[in-house]
N, C-alpha and C. Protein backbone atom coordinates (compact mmCIF):
# COMPACT_ATOMS: atom_id res chain seq x y z
N UNK A 1 103.81 56.42 118.59
CA UNK A 1 105.03 56.29 119.32
C UNK A 1 104.84 56.95 120.68
N UNK A 2 105.39 56.34 121.70
CA UNK A 2 105.20 56.89 123.05
C UNK A 2 106.16 58.05 123.28
N UNK A 3 105.85 58.79 124.30
CA UNK A 3 106.67 59.95 124.65
C UNK A 3 108.07 59.53 125.06
N UNK A 4 108.17 58.40 125.78
CA UNK A 4 109.49 57.90 126.18
C UNK A 4 110.32 57.52 124.97
N UNK A 5 109.71 56.85 124.00
CA UNK A 5 110.42 56.44 122.80
C UNK A 5 110.89 57.66 121.99
N UNK A 6 110.07 58.68 121.95
CA UNK A 6 110.44 59.91 121.23
C UNK A 6 111.65 60.56 121.89
N UNK A 7 111.64 60.62 123.22
CA UNK A 7 112.78 61.21 123.94
C UNK A 7 114.04 60.39 123.73
N UNK A 8 113.90 59.08 123.73
CA UNK A 8 115.05 58.20 123.50
C UNK A 8 115.60 58.41 122.09
N UNK A 9 114.71 58.46 121.10
CA UNK A 9 115.15 58.68 119.72
C UNK A 9 115.85 60.02 119.58
N UNK A 10 115.31 61.06 120.20
CA UNK A 10 115.94 62.38 120.15
C UNK A 10 117.33 62.36 120.79
N UNK A 11 117.43 61.68 121.93
CA UNK A 11 118.72 61.60 122.62
C UNK A 11 119.74 60.84 121.77
N UNK A 12 119.30 59.77 121.12
CA UNK A 12 120.21 58.99 120.27
C UNK A 12 120.66 59.84 119.08
N UNK A 13 119.73 60.52 118.45
CA UNK A 13 120.09 61.38 117.31
C UNK A 13 121.08 62.47 117.74
N UNK A 14 120.83 63.04 118.89
CA UNK A 14 121.70 64.10 119.39
C UNK A 14 123.11 63.55 119.65
N UNK A 15 123.21 62.41 120.30
CA UNK A 15 124.54 61.85 120.61
C UNK A 15 125.26 61.39 119.35
N UNK A 16 124.53 60.85 118.38
CA UNK A 16 125.14 60.46 117.11
C UNK A 16 125.61 61.69 116.35
N UNK A 17 124.81 62.74 116.37
CA UNK A 17 125.20 63.99 115.71
C UNK A 17 126.44 64.61 116.34
N UNK A 18 126.49 64.61 117.66
CA UNK A 18 127.65 65.16 118.37
C UNK A 18 128.89 64.33 118.05
N UNK A 19 128.76 63.00 118.02
CA UNK A 19 129.90 62.14 117.69
C UNK A 19 130.38 62.39 116.27
N UNK A 20 129.47 62.60 115.34
CA UNK A 20 129.85 62.88 113.95
C UNK A 20 130.57 64.23 113.86
N UNK A 21 130.09 65.23 114.58
CA UNK A 21 130.75 66.53 114.57
C UNK A 21 132.15 66.46 115.18
N UNK A 22 132.29 65.68 116.24
CA UNK A 22 133.63 65.50 116.84
C UNK A 22 134.58 64.81 115.88
N UNK A 23 134.08 63.79 115.19
CA UNK A 23 134.90 63.08 114.20
C UNK A 23 135.32 64.02 113.08
N UNK A 24 134.39 64.84 112.61
CA UNK A 24 134.68 65.80 111.57
C UNK A 24 135.70 66.83 112.05
N UNK A 25 135.58 67.28 113.28
CA UNK A 25 136.53 68.24 113.84
C UNK A 25 137.93 67.64 113.90
N UNK A 26 138.05 66.36 114.29
CA UNK A 26 139.36 65.71 114.31
C UNK A 26 139.96 65.65 112.92
N UNK A 27 139.14 65.38 111.90
CA UNK A 27 139.63 65.34 110.53
C UNK A 27 140.11 66.72 110.08
N UNK A 28 139.36 67.75 110.42
CA UNK A 28 139.75 69.11 110.05
C UNK A 28 141.04 69.50 110.76
N UNK A 29 141.18 69.16 112.03
CA UNK A 29 142.40 69.47 112.77
C UNK A 29 143.60 68.74 112.18
N UNK A 30 143.42 67.48 111.79
CA UNK A 30 144.51 66.71 111.18
C UNK A 30 144.92 67.32 109.85
N UNK A 31 143.95 67.74 109.06
CA UNK A 31 144.26 68.36 107.77
C UNK A 31 144.98 69.69 107.98
N UNK A 32 144.56 70.45 108.96
CA UNK A 32 145.21 71.73 109.25
C UNK A 32 146.65 71.52 109.70
N UNK A 33 146.88 70.51 110.53
CA UNK A 33 148.24 70.20 110.97
C UNK A 33 149.10 69.79 109.78
N UNK A 34 148.54 69.02 108.85
CA UNK A 34 149.29 68.62 107.66
C UNK A 34 149.63 69.82 106.79
N UNK A 35 148.74 70.80 106.70
CA UNK A 35 149.01 72.02 105.94
C UNK A 35 150.17 72.80 106.57
N UNK A 36 150.21 72.84 107.89
CA UNK A 36 151.30 73.54 108.57
C UNK A 36 152.63 72.84 108.31
N UNK A 37 152.63 71.51 108.33
CA UNK A 37 153.85 70.76 108.05
C UNK A 37 154.31 71.01 106.62
N UNK A 38 153.36 70.99 105.68
CA UNK A 38 153.71 71.24 104.28
C UNK A 38 154.26 72.66 104.08
N UNK A 39 153.68 73.63 104.74
CA UNK A 39 154.16 75.01 104.64
C UNK A 39 155.57 75.14 105.21
N UNK A 40 155.83 74.45 106.30
CA UNK A 40 157.16 74.49 106.90
C UNK A 40 158.20 73.91 105.94
N UNK A 41 157.86 72.76 105.32
CA UNK A 41 158.78 72.15 104.36
C UNK A 41 158.98 73.03 103.14
N UNK A 42 157.92 73.67 102.66
CA UNK A 42 158.04 74.56 101.50
C UNK A 42 158.96 75.74 101.83
N UNK A 43 158.84 76.29 103.02
CA UNK A 43 159.70 77.39 103.44
C UNK A 43 161.15 76.94 103.50
N UNK A 44 161.39 75.77 104.07
CA UNK A 44 162.77 75.25 104.16
C UNK A 44 163.36 75.03 102.77
N UNK A 45 162.58 74.43 101.88
CA UNK A 45 163.08 74.19 100.53
C UNK A 45 163.34 75.50 99.79
N UNK A 46 162.49 76.48 100.00
CA UNK A 46 162.70 77.79 99.39
C UNK A 46 164.01 78.42 99.84
N UNK A 47 164.30 78.31 101.12
CA UNK A 47 165.55 78.85 101.66
C UNK A 47 166.74 78.11 101.06
N UNK A 48 166.66 76.79 100.98
CA UNK A 48 167.75 75.99 100.41
C UNK A 48 167.98 76.37 98.95
N UNK A 49 166.91 76.49 98.17
CA UNK A 49 167.07 76.86 96.77
C UNK A 49 167.62 78.28 96.62
N UNK A 50 167.19 79.20 97.47
CA UNK A 50 167.71 80.57 97.41
C UNK A 50 169.21 80.59 97.74
N UNK A 51 169.60 79.84 98.75
CA UNK A 51 171.02 79.76 99.09
C UNK A 51 171.82 79.12 97.97
N UNK A 52 171.27 78.07 97.36
CA UNK A 52 171.96 77.42 96.25
C UNK A 52 172.12 78.39 95.08
N UNK A 53 171.10 79.18 94.78
CA UNK A 53 171.19 80.16 93.70
C UNK A 53 172.22 81.24 94.04
N UNK A 54 172.25 81.68 95.27
CA UNK A 54 173.23 82.68 95.70
C UNK A 54 174.64 82.13 95.59
N UNK A 55 174.85 80.92 96.03
CA UNK A 55 176.17 80.29 95.93
C UNK A 55 176.58 80.12 94.48
N UNK A 56 175.65 79.72 93.62
CA UNK A 56 175.95 79.58 92.20
C UNK A 56 176.34 80.92 91.60
N UNK A 57 175.61 81.98 91.94
CA UNK A 57 175.94 83.31 91.42
C UNK A 57 177.31 83.76 91.91
N UNK A 58 177.61 83.51 93.18
CA UNK A 58 178.92 83.87 93.71
C UNK A 58 180.03 83.08 93.02
N UNK A 59 179.81 81.82 92.82
CA UNK A 59 180.80 80.96 92.16
C UNK A 59 181.03 81.41 90.72
N UNK A 60 179.93 81.70 90.00
CA UNK A 60 180.08 82.18 88.62
C UNK A 60 180.79 83.53 88.58
N UNK A 61 180.51 84.42 89.52
CA UNK A 61 181.19 85.71 89.61
C UNK A 61 182.66 85.54 89.91
N UNK A 62 182.96 84.66 90.82
CA UNK A 62 184.36 84.37 91.18
C UNK A 62 185.11 83.81 89.98
N UNK A 63 184.45 82.94 89.23
CA UNK A 63 185.08 82.33 88.05
C UNK A 63 185.31 83.37 86.96
N UNK A 64 184.39 84.31 86.81
CA UNK A 64 184.51 85.31 85.77
C UNK A 64 185.65 86.29 86.09
N UNK A 65 185.85 86.59 87.38
CA UNK A 65 186.90 87.51 87.79
C UNK A 65 188.26 86.85 87.66
N UNK A 66 188.32 85.59 88.07
CA UNK A 66 189.61 84.89 88.11
C UNK A 66 190.00 84.28 86.86
């Protein structure tokens, strides 16, 4: 194989490798963003359930007194 062909092959491998790493980075970033969205929804649902439990306890207490 000639020296020019070797340099071309190396350059192609390098550019393909860089493109694959960029693609992988985009996938990791998308997954990380999805985790943040899921955590936000879990926090919101936790707050809603806590408020619902508090309201139920207050209602049951009010009913027991009255």
